[in-house]
Structure formats: C-alpha cells, structure tokens
C-alpha cells in the first residue's frame, strides 16, 4: 500500500473549514484567509485523494440569485480521518519540549 502524504497547512485549513459543512471556493478563501491560487489547486488535490467531494448547485438557484453556479465541497469520512490525524500531530508538535542543540539529529551542526 502506498503511503499517503501528510497534509500541509493549506490542506488542513481547508479541511478544518469544511468540517462545519458544505462551502464553495470563495467562501473557503474567506474562512481560511488563503488566496484563490492556493485554495482551488488544493481543492483539486483533496478531491483526487478522496478527502473532499464536490457537487454543483442547481442552475435554478444560481439564476434566482443572478450569479454563476457554485461548486460546493464537503469533507468525506477519509477527509475527517486525515484532518483528525493532522490536528493530533500538530498538538503533539506544539506540546513537545524544545530539544537542546546537542541532542539534534545533526549532532554538532
């Protein structure tokens, strides 16, 4: 089985924002503070990994509001699992004591 790459900051921020329910791209940009050049490519990667799924809203809703259709994203069960693991790892990292320089992996760097 191929090892899954751990999510980075942008992926974690997007998954965390999606935890509260379905969102569309601009909404995710507002919720995370990330630019469109980060959010949209990241959504594509998350979708290809099965961590989010997307669906288009109905044409009628968009027409009523006189705007283009929105693509809504939602977190999958796999996405929830990856997010929980990533948040756990970050909590462990934040709680770790500083390692004295003499005990680093590089030794006498």
Protein backbone atom coordinates (compact mmCIF):
# COMPACT_ATOMS: atom_id res chain seq x y z
CA UNK A 1 0.00 0.00 0.00
CA UNK A 2 1.35 3.44 -0.96
CA UNK A 3 1.97 5.79 1.91
CA UNK A 4 -0.26 8.88 1.89
CA UNK A 5 1.49 12.23 2.06
CA UNK A 6 0.67 14.22 5.18
CA UNK A 7 -1.39 17.34 4.51
CA UNK A 8 0.23 20.75 4.68
CA UNK A 9 -1.10 23.94 6.23
CA UNK A 10 -3.43 24.84 3.32
CA UNK A 11 -5.00 21.38 3.18
CA UNK A 12 -5.52 21.32 6.95
CA UNK A 13 -7.07 24.81 6.90
CA UNK A 14 -9.47 23.85 4.09
CA UNK A 15 -10.44 20.53 5.68
CA UNK A 16 -11.00 22.27 9.01
CA UNK A 17 -13.22 24.90 7.34
CA UNK A 18 -15.22 22.14 5.63
CA UNK A 19 -15.78 20.39 8.94
CA UNK A 20 -18.60 22.88 9.58
CA UNK A 21 -20.48 21.95 6.40
CA UNK A 22 -20.53 22.47 2.65
CA UNK A 23 -18.70 25.51 1.28
CA UNK A 24 -17.83 26.92 -2.11
CA UNK A 25 -14.43 28.27 -3.19
CA UNK A 26 -14.81 31.97 -2.35
CA UNK A 27 -16.35 31.04 0.98
CA UNK A 28 -13.32 28.84 1.72
CA UNK A 29 -10.97 31.68 0.80
CA UNK A 30 -12.76 33.93 3.31
CA UNK A 31 -12.82 31.25 6.02
CA UNK A 32 -9.14 30.31 5.67
CA UNK A 33 -7.55 33.58 4.56
CA UNK A 34 -5.87 31.69 1.70
CA UNK A 35 -5.73 33.13 -1.85
CA UNK A 36 -7.54 31.59 -4.81
CA UNK A 37 -4.21 30.42 -6.26
CA UNK A 38 -3.86 28.19 -3.21
CA UNK A 39 -7.47 27.19 -2.50
CA UNK A 40 -8.56 25.97 -5.93
CA UNK A 41 -5.49 23.80 -6.71
CA UNK A 42 -5.64 22.41 -3.19
CA UNK A 43 -9.33 21.53 -3.59
CA UNK A 44 -8.46 19.62 -6.76
CA UNK A 45 -5.75 17.66 -4.93
CA UNK A 46 -8.01 16.97 -1.94
CA UNK A 47 -10.76 15.78 -4.28
CA UNK A 48 -8.40 13.49 -6.22
CA UNK A 49 -7.26 11.97 -2.89
CA UNK A 50 -10.88 11.36 -1.88
CA UNK A 51 -10.72 13.75 1.08
CA UNK A 52 -13.41 16.08 -0.26
CA UNK A 53 -16.19 15.66 -2.76
CA UNK A 54 -17.75 18.34 -4.89
CA UNK A 55 -21.17 18.97 -6.39
CA UNK A 56 -22.64 21.78 -8.46
CA UNK A 57 -25.65 23.65 -7.15
CA UNK A 58 -28.77 23.75 -9.30
CA UNK A 59 -29.00 26.17 -12.20
CA UNK A 60 -32.27 27.49 -10.77
CA UNK A 61 -30.70 28.63 -7.51
CA UNK A 62 -27.90 30.46 -9.30
CA UNK A 63 -30.32 32.06 -11.79
CA UNK A 64 -32.58 33.27 -8.93
CA UNK A 65 -29.59 34.98 -7.34
CA UNK A 66 -28.34 36.25 -10.74
CA UNK A 67 -24.88 34.70 -10.47
CA UNK A 68 -22.90 31.75 -11.86
CA UNK A 69 -23.44 28.29 -10.39
CA UNK A 70 -21.30 27.47 -7.37
CA UNK A 71 -19.40 24.28 -6.84
CA UNK A 72 -19.83 23.14 -3.25
CA UNK A 73 -17.30 20.99 -1.43
CA UNK A 74 -17.79 18.72 1.55
CA UNK A 75 -15.35 16.73 3.61
CA UNK A 76 -15.51 12.93 3.29
CA UNK A 77 -15.01 10.34 6.03
CA UNK A 78 -11.43 9.89 4.80
CA UNK A 79 -11.00 13.66 4.98
CA UNK A 80 -12.23 13.69 8.58
CA UNK A 81 -9.76 10.95 9.43
CA UNK A 82 -6.82 12.74 7.78
CA UNK A 83 -7.80 16.01 9.48
CA UNK A 84 -8.02 14.39 12.92
CA UNK A 85 -4.59 12.77 12.48
CA UNK A 86 -3.05 16.03 11.26
CA UNK A 87 -4.50 18.03 14.16
CA UNK A 88 -3.29 15.37 16.61
CA UNK A 89 0.21 15.57 15.12
CA UNK A 90 0.18 19.37 15.37
CA UNK A 91 -0.93 19.21 19.02
CA UNK A 92 1.94 16.82 19.77
CA UNK A 93 4.38 19.10 17.98
CA UNK A 94 3.12 22.16 19.84
CA UNK A 95 3.36 20.34 23.18
CA UNK A 96 6.88 18.99 22.58
CA UNK A 97 9.64 20.44 24.71
CA UNK A 98 12.47 22.16 22.91
CA UNK A 99 15.29 19.77 22.15
CA UNK A 100 18.69 21.06 23.26
CA UNK A 101 21.06 21.60 20.26
CA UNK A 102 23.40 18.83 21.44
CA UNK A 103 20.57 16.32 21.04
CA UNK A 104 19.55 17.19 17.49
CA UNK A 105 19.66 14.67 14.70
CA UNK A 106 22.52 16.59 13.08
CA UNK A 107 24.68 16.31 16.18
CA UNK A 108 27.36 19.02 16.21
CA UNK A 109 25.78 21.08 13.44
